[in-house]
N, C-alpha and C. Protein backbone atom coordinates (compact mmCIF):
# COMPACT_ATOMS: atom_id res chain seq x y z
N MET A 1 -65.51 40.24 -67.22
CA MET A 1 -65.52 41.91 -67.03
C MET A 1 -65.67 42.01 -65.30
N ARG A 2 -64.57 42.40 -64.86
CA ARG A 2 -64.12 42.63 -64.05
C ARG A 2 -64.89 43.28 -62.90
N GLN A 3 -64.79 43.25 -61.95
CA GLN A 3 -65.49 43.45 -60.05
C GLN A 3 -65.02 44.81 -60.07
N ASN A 4 -65.26 45.55 -59.18
CA ASN A 4 -65.11 46.94 -58.38
C ASN A 4 -64.02 46.64 -57.69
N ASN A 5 -63.16 47.77 -57.73
CA ASN A 5 -62.11 47.09 -57.46
C ASN A 5 -61.50 48.77 -56.30
N THR A 6 -62.82 49.06 -55.72
CA THR A 6 -63.04 50.37 -54.52
C THR A 6 -62.19 49.91 -53.49
N THR A 7 -61.18 48.93 -52.95
CA THR A 7 -60.62 48.96 -52.04
C THR A 7 -59.32 49.19 -52.18
N SER A 8 -59.30 48.73 -53.70
CA SER A 8 -57.47 49.03 -53.93
C SER A 8 -57.41 51.18 -53.95
N TRP A 9 -58.58 51.55 -54.82
CA TRP A 9 -58.54 53.14 -54.75
C TRP A 9 -58.48 53.33 -53.17
N VAL A 10 -59.25 53.07 -52.48
CA VAL A 10 -58.95 53.12 -50.61
C VAL A 10 -57.60 53.02 -50.11
N VAL A 11 -57.25 51.70 -50.77
CA VAL A 11 -55.58 51.52 -50.28
C VAL A 11 -54.25 52.57 -51.03
N THR A 12 -54.98 52.89 -52.12
CA THR A 12 -54.03 53.87 -52.71
C THR A 12 -54.19 55.27 -51.98
N GLY A 13 -55.82 55.70 -52.09
CA GLY A 13 -55.90 57.30 -51.90
C GLY A 13 -55.58 57.70 -50.16
N VAL A 14 -55.24 56.67 -48.85
CA VAL A 14 -54.92 56.32 -48.13
C VAL A 14 -53.53 56.46 -47.87
N GLY A 15 -53.00 55.74 -48.77
CA GLY A 15 -51.88 55.61 -48.59
C GLY A 15 -51.02 57.38 -49.23
N ALA A 16 -51.34 57.44 -49.92
CA ALA A 16 -51.22 59.15 -51.11
C ALA A 16 -51.33 60.28 -49.46
N ALA A 17 -52.73 60.07 -48.68
CA ALA A 17 -52.37 60.94 -47.68
C ALA A 17 -51.47 60.34 -46.35
N VAL A 18 -51.09 59.83 -46.48
CA VAL A 18 -50.57 59.52 -45.11
C VAL A 18 -48.91 59.77 -45.54
N THR A 19 -48.62 59.54 -46.48
CA THR A 19 -47.19 60.43 -47.55
C THR A 19 -47.45 61.67 -47.08
N GLY A 20 -48.81 62.43 -47.53
CA GLY A 20 -48.55 63.38 -47.25
C GLY A 20 -48.47 63.90 -46.38
N ALA A 21 -48.79 63.20 -45.62
CA ALA A 21 -49.08 63.97 -43.79
C ALA A 21 -47.26 63.87 -43.13
N GLY A 22 -46.94 62.27 -43.58
CA GLY A 22 -45.23 62.09 -43.51
C GLY A 22 -44.32 63.57 -43.71
N ALA A 23 -44.27 63.85 -44.72
CA ALA A 23 -43.55 65.24 -46.23
C ALA A 23 -44.02 66.37 -44.68
N LEU A 24 -45.46 66.40 -44.41
CA LEU A 24 -45.36 68.03 -43.92
C LEU A 24 -44.42 67.30 -42.48
N VAL A 25 -44.62 66.25 -42.02
CA VAL A 25 -43.99 66.46 -40.28
C VAL A 25 -41.95 66.25 -40.29
N GLY A 26 -41.71 65.84 -41.29
CA GLY A 26 -40.60 66.34 -41.59
C GLY A 26 -39.34 65.64 -40.78
N GLY A 27 -38.14 65.46 -41.03
CA GLY A 27 -36.94 64.67 -40.25
C GLY A 27 -37.02 63.08 -40.44
N SER A 28 -36.67 62.62 -39.87
CA SER A 28 -36.99 61.22 -39.97
C SER A 28 -37.93 59.96 -39.85
N ILE A 29 -39.06 61.30 -38.53
CA ILE A 29 -39.83 59.73 -38.35
C ILE A 29 -41.24 60.55 -39.22
N GLY A 30 -40.25 62.07 -40.12
CA GLY A 30 -41.57 62.12 -41.08
C GLY A 30 -41.31 61.01 -42.19
N ALA A 31 -40.01 61.19 -42.35
CA ALA A 31 -39.72 59.57 -43.84
C ALA A 31 -40.05 58.59 -43.75
N GLY A 32 -40.05 58.31 -42.67
CA GLY A 32 -40.38 56.99 -41.86
C GLY A 32 -42.28 56.94 -42.11
N ILE A 33 -42.84 57.86 -41.99
CA ILE A 33 -44.35 58.34 -42.19
C ILE A 33 -44.67 58.21 -43.77
N ALA A 34 -43.78 58.69 -44.44
CA ALA A 34 -43.88 58.81 -45.75
C ALA A 34 -43.26 57.44 -46.59
N GLY A 35 -42.29 56.79 -45.77
CA GLY A 35 -42.64 55.57 -46.79
C GLY A 35 -43.32 54.15 -46.46
N PHE A 36 -44.20 54.13 -45.11
CA PHE A 36 -45.42 53.55 -44.95
C PHE A 36 -46.58 54.50 -45.82
N GLY A 37 -46.02 55.31 -46.57
CA GLY A 37 -47.71 55.48 -46.84
C GLY A 37 -47.73 55.09 -48.45
N LEU A 38 -46.55 55.61 -49.71
CA LEU A 38 -45.31 55.05 -50.47
C LEU A 38 -45.46 53.68 -50.88
N ALA A 39 -45.69 52.22 -49.52
CA ALA A 39 -45.89 51.43 -49.44
C ALA A 39 -47.18 50.63 -49.59
N HIS A 40 -47.93 51.42 -49.07
CA HIS A 40 -49.16 51.40 -50.20
C HIS A 40 -50.03 51.54 -50.51
N VAL A 41 -48.91 52.82 -51.48
CA VAL A 41 -50.31 53.01 -53.00
C VAL A 41 -49.31 51.95 -53.95
N VAL A 42 -48.18 51.92 -53.68
CA VAL A 42 -47.70 50.80 -54.19
C VAL A 42 -48.28 49.24 -54.31
N LEU A 43 -48.58 48.86 -52.74
CA LEU A 43 -49.44 47.96 -52.77
C LEU A 43 -51.02 48.23 -53.48
N GLY A 44 -51.53 49.62 -53.65
CA GLY A 44 -52.53 49.76 -53.74
C GLY A 44 -52.83 49.58 -55.50
N VAL A 45 -52.20 50.00 -55.85
CA VAL A 45 -51.92 50.06 -57.14
C VAL A 45 -51.86 48.05 -57.92
N LEU A 46 -50.17 47.73 -57.46
CA LEU A 46 -49.96 46.60 -57.77
C LEU A 46 -51.70 45.49 -57.67
N ASP A 47 -52.20 46.30 -56.65
CA ASP A 47 -53.59 45.39 -56.32
C ASP A 47 -54.44 45.54 -57.72
N ASN A 48 -54.11 46.47 -58.20
CA ASN A 48 -55.34 46.92 -59.51
C ASN A 48 -55.41 46.15 -60.81
N PHE A 49 -53.92 45.18 -60.88
CA PHE A 49 -53.34 44.42 -61.75
C PHE A 49 -53.55 43.52 -61.24
N ARG A 50 -54.00 42.49 -60.49
CA ARG A 50 -53.84 41.24 -59.94
C ARG A 50 -55.25 40.90 -60.15
N PRO A 51 -55.29 39.75 -61.08
CA PRO A 51 -56.21 38.99 -61.50
C PRO A 51 -57.20 39.08 -60.95
N THR A 52 -58.26 38.90 -61.18
CA THR A 52 -59.60 38.22 -60.91
C THR A 52 -59.77 36.41 -60.67
N VAL A 53 -60.17 35.91 -59.38
CA VAL A 53 -60.46 34.65 -59.47
C VAL A 53 -61.74 34.13 -59.36
N ARG A 54 -62.07 33.50 -60.38
CA ARG A 54 -63.84 33.21 -60.42
C ARG A 54 -63.94 31.72 -60.70
N ARG A 55 -64.92 31.74 -59.69
CA ARG A 55 -65.46 30.02 -58.84
C ARG A 55 -66.68 30.22 -59.38
């Protein structure tokens, strides 16, 4: 059974919020902010699929 993956969902949600903020800012600075947010979304989703280590 998988453990709770709340951290992955939080990282994904924060990334989505940062992506939205970057889209609102606009310009090249906004594109950088949106890219940073999209990277967090990707990392959060990938972390959801990472196998857990049992000890």
